C-alpha atoms as a PDB file:
ATOM      1  CA  UNK A   1       9.480 -19.778   9.040  1.00  0.00           C
ATOM      2  CA  UNK A   2       6.139 -18.038   9.618  1.00  0.00           C
ATOM      3  CA  UNK A   3       3.469 -19.757  11.644  1.00  0.00           C
ATOM      4  CA  UNK A   4      -0.243 -19.581  10.836  1.00  0.00           C
ATOM      5  CA  UNK A   5      -0.827 -16.763  13.326  1.00  0.00           C
ATOM      6  CA  UNK A   6       2.301 -14.747  12.476  1.00  0.00           C
ATOM      7  CA  UNK A   7       2.095 -11.640  10.349  1.00  0.00           C
ATOM      8  CA  UNK A   8       5.102 -10.771   8.171  1.00  0.00           C
ATOM      9  CA  UNK A   9       4.850  -7.083   9.092  1.00  0.00           C
ATOM     10  CA  UNK A  10       5.092  -7.924  12.831  1.00  0.00           C
ATOM     11  CA  UNK A  11       8.352  -9.828  12.335  1.00  0.00           C
ATOM     12  CA  UNK A  12       9.947  -7.376   9.921  1.00  0.00           C
ATOM     13  CA  UNK A  13       8.402  -3.891   9.677  1.00  0.00           C
ATOM     14  CA  UNK A  14      10.292  -3.160   6.453  1.00  0.00           C
ATOM     15  CA  UNK A  15       8.200  -5.723   4.568  1.00  0.00           C
ATOM     16  CA  UNK A  16       5.121  -3.495   4.564  1.00  0.00           C
ATOM     17  CA  UNK A  17       4.982   0.247   4.164  1.00  0.00           C
ATOM     18  CA  UNK A  18       2.674   1.521   6.899  1.00  0.00           C
ATOM     19  CA  UNK A  19       1.262   4.820   5.660  1.00  0.00           C
ATOM     20  CA  UNK A  20      -0.825   7.203   7.778  1.00  0.00           C
ATOM     21  CA  UNK A  21      -2.968  10.123   6.669  1.00  0.00           C
ATOM     22  CA  UNK A  22      -2.366  13.431   8.420  1.00  0.00           C
ATOM     23  CA  UNK A  23      -4.093  16.783   8.336  1.00  0.00           C
ATOM     24  CA  UNK A  24      -1.656  19.627   8.934  1.00  0.00           C
ATOM     25  CA  UNK A  25      -2.659  23.271   9.450  1.00  0.00           C
ATOM     26  CA  UNK A  26       0.028  25.927   9.212  1.00  0.00           C
ATOM     27  CA  UNK A  27       0.968  29.361   7.954  1.00  0.00           C
ATOM     28  CA  UNK A  28       3.852  31.718   7.353  1.00  0.00           C
ATOM     29  CA  UNK A  29       4.900  33.573  10.508  1.00  0.00           C
ATOM     30  CA  UNK A  30       3.194  36.969  10.985  1.00  0.00           C
ATOM     31  CA  UNK A  31       5.353  39.941   9.965  1.00  0.00           C
ATOM     32  CA  UNK A  32       4.882  43.731  10.007  1.00  0.00           C
ATOM     33  CA  UNK A  33       4.189  43.671   6.282  1.00  0.00           C
ATOM     34  CA  UNK A  34       1.658  40.782   6.628  1.00  0.00           C
ATOM     35  CA  UNK A  35       0.291  40.570  10.208  1.00  0.00           C
ATOM     36  CA  UNK A  36      -2.449  38.049   9.253  1.00  0.00           C
ATOM     37  CA  UNK A  37      -0.940  35.488   6.814  1.00  0.00           C
ATOM     38  CA  UNK A  38      -3.179  33.002   5.046  1.00  0.00           C
ATOM     39  CA  UNK A  39      -3.727  29.707   6.915  1.00  0.00           C
ATOM     40  CA  UNK A  40      -3.233  26.544   4.842  1.00  0.00           C
ATOM     41  CA  UNK A  41      -4.585  23.066   5.522  1.00  0.00           C
ATOM     42  CA  UNK A  42      -3.181  19.976   3.785  1.00  0.00           C
ATOM     43  CA  UNK A  43      -3.995  16.291   3.890  1.00  0.00           C
ATOM     44  CA  UNK A  44      -0.808  14.260   3.464  1.00  0.00           C
ATOM     45  CA  UNK A  45       0.226  10.613   3.500  1.00  0.00           C
ATOM     46  CA  UNK A  46       3.423   9.799   5.380  1.00  0.00           C
ATOM     47  CA  UNK A  47       5.020   7.077   7.489  1.00  0.00           C
ATOM     48  CA  UNK A  48       5.088   9.244  10.611  1.00  0.00           C
ATOM     49  CA  UNK A  49       4.340  12.731  11.870  1.00  0.00           C
ATOM     50  CA  UNK A  50       7.892  14.017  11.340  1.00  0.00           C
ATOM     51  CA  UNK A  51       7.882  13.091   7.637  1.00  0.00           C
ATOM     52  CA  UNK A  52       4.374  14.555   7.247  1.00  0.00           C
ATOM     53  CA  UNK A  53       5.567  17.920   8.613  1.00  0.00           C
ATOM     54  CA  UNK A  54       8.576  17.819   6.302  1.00  0.00           C
ATOM     55  CA  UNK A  55       6.294  17.189   3.309  1.00  0.00           C
ATOM     56  CA  UNK A  56       4.009  20.022   4.469  1.00  0.00           C
ATOM     57  CA  UNK A  57       6.878  22.515   4.421  1.00  0.00           C
ATOM     58  CA  UNK A  58       8.008  21.221   1.017  1.00  0.00           C
ATOM     59  CA  UNK A  59       4.611  22.137  -0.472  1.00  0.00           C
ATOM     60  CA  UNK A  60       4.334  25.381   1.524  1.00  0.00           C
ATOM     61  CA  UNK A  61       7.662  26.535   0.104  1.00  0.00           C
ATOM     62  CA  UNK A  62       6.477  25.793  -3.445  1.00  0.00           C
ATOM     63  CA  UNK A  63       2.971  27.254  -3.186  1.00  0.00           C
ATOM     64  CA  UNK A  64       3.052  29.967  -0.498  1.00  0.00           C
ATOM     65  CA  UNK A  65       6.778  30.841  -0.452  1.00  0.00           C
ATOM     66  CA  UNK A  66       6.870  30.072   3.289  1.00  0.00           C
ATOM     67  CA  UNK A  67       9.739  28.141   4.844  1.00  0.00           C
ATOM     68  CA  UNK A  68       9.913  26.191   8.094  1.00  0.00           C
ATOM     69  CA  UNK A  69      12.188  28.829   9.640  1.00  0.00           C
ATOM     70  CA  UNK A  70       9.715  31.603   8.791  1.00  0.00           C
ATOM     71  CA  UNK A  71       6.495  29.714   9.499  1.00  0.00           C
ATOM     72  CA  UNK A  72       4.492  27.898  12.132  1.00  0.00           C
ATOM     73  CA  UNK A  73       2.412  24.758  12.337  1.00  0.00           C
ATOM     74  CA  UNK A  74      -0.932  25.339  14.056  1.00  0.00           C
ATOM     75  CA  UNK A  75      -2.137  21.743  14.262  1.00  0.00           C
ATOM     76  CA  UNK A  76      -1.362  18.145  13.286  1.00  0.00           C
ATOM     77  CA  UNK A  77      -4.086  15.467  13.355  1.00  0.00           C
ATOM     78  CA  UNK A  78      -4.062  11.894  12.113  1.00  0.00           C
ATOM     79  CA  UNK A  79      -7.123  11.070  10.013  1.00  0.00           C
ATOM     80  CA  UNK A  80      -8.711   7.660  10.579  1.00  0.00           C
ATOM     81  CA  UNK A  81     -11.125   5.730   8.357  1.00  0.00           C
ATOM     82  CA  UNK A  82     -14.794   6.117   9.271  1.00  0.00           C
ATOM     83  CA  UNK A  83     -15.610   2.470   8.498  1.00  0.00           C
ATOM     84  CA  UNK A  84     -12.486   0.261   8.303  1.00  0.00           C
ATOM     85  CA  UNK A  85     -14.468  -3.008   8.281  1.00  0.00           C
ATOM     86  CA  UNK A  86     -15.815  -2.955   4.712  1.00  0.00           C
ATOM     87  CA  UNK A  87     -13.940  -3.329   1.444  1.00  0.00           C
ATOM     88  CA  UNK A  88     -14.097  -0.284  -0.825  1.00  0.00           C
ATOM     89  CA  UNK A  89     -12.823   0.682  -4.278  1.00  0.00           C
ATOM     90  CA  UNK A  90     -10.269   3.495  -4.086  1.00  0.00           C
ATOM     91  CA  UNK A  91      -9.132   5.739  -6.937  1.00  0.00           C
ATOM     92  CA  UNK A  92      -5.789   7.546  -6.639  1.00  0.00           C
ATOM     93  CA  UNK A  93      -4.641  10.342  -8.937  1.00  0.00           C
ATOM     94  CA  UNK A  94      -0.893  10.828  -8.670  1.00  0.00           C
ATOM     95  CA  UNK A  95       2.080  12.461 -10.316  1.00  0.00           C
ATOM     96  CA  UNK A  96       5.526  10.975 -10.202  1.00  0.00           C
ATOM     97  CA  UNK A  97       8.947  12.052 -11.344  1.00  0.00           C
ATOM     98  CA  UNK A  98      10.846   9.440 -13.328  1.00  0.00           C
ATOM     99  CA  UNK A  99      14.431   9.748 -14.530  1.00  0.00           C
ATOM    100  CA  UNK A 100      13.210  11.293 -17.784  1.00  0.00           C
ATOM    101  CA  UNK A 101      10.035  13.279 -17.105  1.00  0.00           C
ATOM    102  CA  UNK A 102       6.940  13.907 -14.957  1.00  0.00           C
ATOM    103  CA  UNK A 103       3.999  11.524 -15.396  1.00  0.00           C
ATOM    104  CA  UNK A 104       0.357  11.762 -14.345  1.00  0.00           C
ATOM    105  CA  UNK A 105      -1.327   8.490 -13.373  1.00  0.00           C
ATOM    106  CA  UNK A 106      -4.685   7.153 -12.286  1.00  0.00           C
ATOM    107  CA  UNK A 107      -4.753   3.946 -10.260  1.00  0.00           C
ATOM    108  CA  UNK A 108      -7.464   1.838  -8.603  1.00  0.00           C
ATOM    109  CA  UNK A 109      -7.218  -0.475  -5.597  1.00  0.00           C
ATOM    110  CA  UNK A 110      -9.553  -2.519  -3.403  1.00  0.00           C
ATOM    111  CA  UNK A 111      -8.833  -2.189   0.291  1.00  0.00           C
ATOM    112  CA  UNK A 112     -10.487  -1.633   3.655  1.00  0.00           C
ATOM    113  CA  UNK A 113      -8.769   1.714   4.340  1.00  0.00           C
ATOM    114  CA  UNK A 114      -7.325   4.534   2.279  1.00  0.00           C
ATOM    115  CA  UNK A 115      -3.992   3.982   4.075  1.00  0.00           C
ATOM    116  CA  UNK A 116      -3.934   0.387   2.808  1.00  0.00           C
ATOM    117  CA  UNK A 117      -4.722   1.508  -0.749  1.00  0.00           C
ATOM    118  CA  UNK A 118      -1.939   4.116  -0.664  1.00  0.00           C
ATOM    119  CA  UNK A 119       0.464   1.482   0.709  1.00  0.00           C
ATOM    120  CA  UNK A 120      -0.455  -0.778  -2.235  1.00  0.00           C
ATOM    121  CA  UNK A 121       0.145   2.143  -4.598  1.00  0.00           C
ATOM    122  CA  UNK A 122       3.622   2.854  -3.180  1.00  0.00           C
ATOM    123  CA  UNK A 123       4.532  -0.840  -3.452  1.00  0.00           C
ATOM    124  CA  UNK A 124       3.281  -1.050  -7.052  1.00  0.00           C
ATOM    125  CA  UNK A 125       5.039   2.159  -8.089  1.00  0.00           C
ATOM    126  CA  UNK A 126       8.353   0.968  -6.657  1.00  0.00           C
ATOM    127  CA  UNK A 127       7.960  -2.464  -8.258  1.00  0.00           C
ATOM    128  CA  UNK A 128       6.677  -1.524 -11.719  1.00  0.00           C
ATOM    129  CA  UNK A 129       8.084   1.957 -12.261  1.00  0.00           C
ATOM    130  CA  UNK A 130      11.031   2.197  -9.845  1.00  0.00           C
ATOM    131  CA  UNK A 131       9.346   5.243  -8.349  1.00  0.00           C
ATOM    132  CA  UNK A 132      10.607   6.195  -4.901  1.00  0.00           C
ATOM    133  CA  UNK A 133       8.100   7.524  -2.383  1.00  0.00           C
ATOM    134  CA  UNK A 134       9.823  10.936  -2.413  1.00  0.00           C
ATOM    135  CA  UNK A 135       9.172  11.340  -6.151  1.00  0.00           C
ATOM    136  CA  UNK A 136       5.433  10.509  -5.884  1.00  0.00           C
ATOM    137  CA  UNK A 137       2.871  13.240  -5.246  1.00  0.00           C
ATOM    138  CA  UNK A 138      -0.696  12.132  -4.483  1.00  0.00           C
ATOM    139  CA  UNK A 139      -3.021  14.762  -5.917  1.00  0.00           C
ATOM    140  CA  UNK A 140      -6.415  13.269  -5.067  1.00  0.00           C
ATOM    141  CA  UNK A 141      -8.012  10.143  -3.601  1.00  0.00           C
ATOM    142  CA  UNK A 142     -11.642   9.027  -3.753  1.00  0.00           C
ATOM    143  CA  UNK A 143     -13.919   6.103  -2.964  1.00  0.00           C
ATOM    144  CA  UNK A 144     -15.610   5.077  -6.211  1.00  0.00           C
ATOM    145  CA  UNK A 145     -18.758   2.968  -6.723  1.00  0.00           C
ATOM    146  CA  UNK A 146     -18.561  -0.381  -8.525  1.00  0.00           C
ATOM    147  CA  UNK A 147     -20.069   0.950 -11.782  1.00  0.00           C
ATOM    148  CA  UNK A 148     -17.342   3.610 -12.145  1.00  0.00           C
ATOM    149  CA  UNK A 149     -14.427   1.171 -11.813  1.00  0.00           C
ATOM    150  CA  UNK A 150     -12.193   1.179 -14.930  1.00  0.00           C
ATOM    151  CA  UNK A 151      -9.308  -1.194 -14.185  1.00  0.00           C
ATOM    152  CA  UNK A 152      -9.722  -4.917 -14.937  1.00  0.00           C
ATOM    153  CA  UNK A 153      -7.928  -6.198 -11.840  1.00  0.00           C
ATOM    154  CA  UNK A 154     -10.502  -4.390  -9.681  1.00  0.00           C
ATOM    155  CA  UNK A 155     -13.497  -5.244 -11.928  1.00  0.00           C
ATOM    156  CA  UNK A 156     -12.876  -8.978 -11.612  1.00  0.00           C
ATOM    157  CA  UNK A 157     -13.475  -8.764  -7.849  1.00  0.00           C
ATOM    158  CA  UNK A 158     -16.893  -7.094  -8.196  1.00  0.00           C
ATOM    159  CA  UNK A 159     -18.897 -10.243  -9.069  1.00  0.00           C
ATOM    160  CA  UNK A 160     -20.798 -10.228  -5.777  1.00  0.00           C
ATOM    161  CA  UNK A 161     -22.379 -13.643  -5.118  1.00  0.00           C
ATOM    162  CA  UNK A 162     -21.066 -15.017  -8.453  1.00  0.00           C
ATOM    163  CA  UNK A 163     -17.449 -14.667  -7.308  1.00  0.00           C
ATOM    164  CA  UNK A 164     -15.737 -18.072  -7.002  1.00  0.00           C
ATOM    165  CA  UNK A 165     -12.246 -19.161  -6.035  1.00  0.00           C
ATOM    166  CA  UNK A 166     -10.796 -22.594  -6.871  1.00  0.00           C
ATOM    167  CA  UNK A 167     -10.014 -25.021  -4.061  1.00  0.00           C
ATOM    168  CA  UNK A 168      -6.379 -25.710  -4.835  1.00  0.00           C
ATOM    169  CA  UNK A 169      -5.570 -28.339  -2.212  1.00  0.00           C
ATOM    170  CA  UNK A 170      -8.304 -30.027  -0.250  1.00  0.00           C
ATOM    171  CA  UNK A 171      -7.133 -32.255   2.592  1.00  0.00           C
ATOM    172  CA  UNK A 172      -9.470 -35.066   3.591  1.00  0.00           C
ATOM    173  CA  UNK A 173     -10.442 -34.883   7.242  1.00  0.00           C
ATOM    174  CA  UNK A 174     -10.350 -38.146   9.186  1.00  0.00           C
ATOM    175  CA  UNK A 175     -12.754 -38.745  12.102  1.00  0.00           C
ATOM    176  CA  UNK A 176     -11.300 -37.884  15.497  1.00  0.00           C
ATOM    177  CA  UNK A 177     -11.216 -41.505  16.734  1.00  0.00           C
ATOM    178  CA  UNK A 178      -9.132 -42.620  13.696  1.00  0.00           C
ATOM    179  CA  UNK A 179      -6.541 -39.819  13.969  1.00  0.00           C
ATOM    180  CA  UNK A 180      -3.095 -40.644  15.275  1.00  0.00           C
ATOM    181  CA  UNK A 181       0.284 -38.975  15.409  1.00  0.00           C
ATOM    182  CA  UNK A 182       2.045 -41.623  13.308  1.00  0.00           C
ATOM    183  CA  UNK A 183       0.581 -43.582  10.386  1.00  0.00           C
ATOM    184  CA  UNK A 184       2.088 -46.566   8.578  1.00  0.00           C
ATOM    185  CA  UNK A 185       0.363 -45.551   5.346  1.00  0.00           C
ATOM    186  CA  UNK A 186       1.170 -42.290   3.533  1.00  0.00           C
ATOM    187  CA  UNK A 187      -1.802 -39.925   3.522  1.00  0.00           C
ATOM    188  CA  UNK A 188      -3.487 -38.844   0.281  1.00  0.00           C
ATOM    189  CA  UNK A 189      -3.366 -35.037   0.118  1.00  0.00           C
ATOM    190  CA  UNK A 190      -5.377 -34.530  -3.056  1.00  0.00           C
ATOM    191  CA  UNK A 191      -8.964 -35.261  -4.055  1.00  0.00           C
ATOM    192  CA  UNK A 192      -9.844 -36.347  -7.595  1.00  0.00           C
END
């Protein structure tokens, strides 16, 4: 049973997919034929640095015909959000491989960081489309202003000061001098 201060991800890390954004710089190893190979920089989302490097070499093999054995990584940096204290609207363009075909998708999320938005996207793709993280390729991400939002589930949160949430269960608060550990009368937990 979770307490009020407990976070589900602290108790069981498998409940939330913690995604980090990495910037990886690498190239094919210099050879006599090509002493100055082209340097490539990629921004990738992965759970940890090891998986980010693996994903980097996957794309390098496809695009530059450079493998891990015949290449070198020049730098790995984790990218952090500039302002993680404000809620933003994120757009994610992705491509995923289903059991039948490849599909392009555009998704929108509200979150405080791009890592949180990508985590939401992975959870939604696994829940709605049975898409594993390995079959999803994120092509582009962007922060979009409120007037460019297309999806209804994001639009409904953009009311500003008109946004209201219902009070589902309001407990009456007794004065401190009338409170006791045990009461003979059952308390009323709803307000008409």
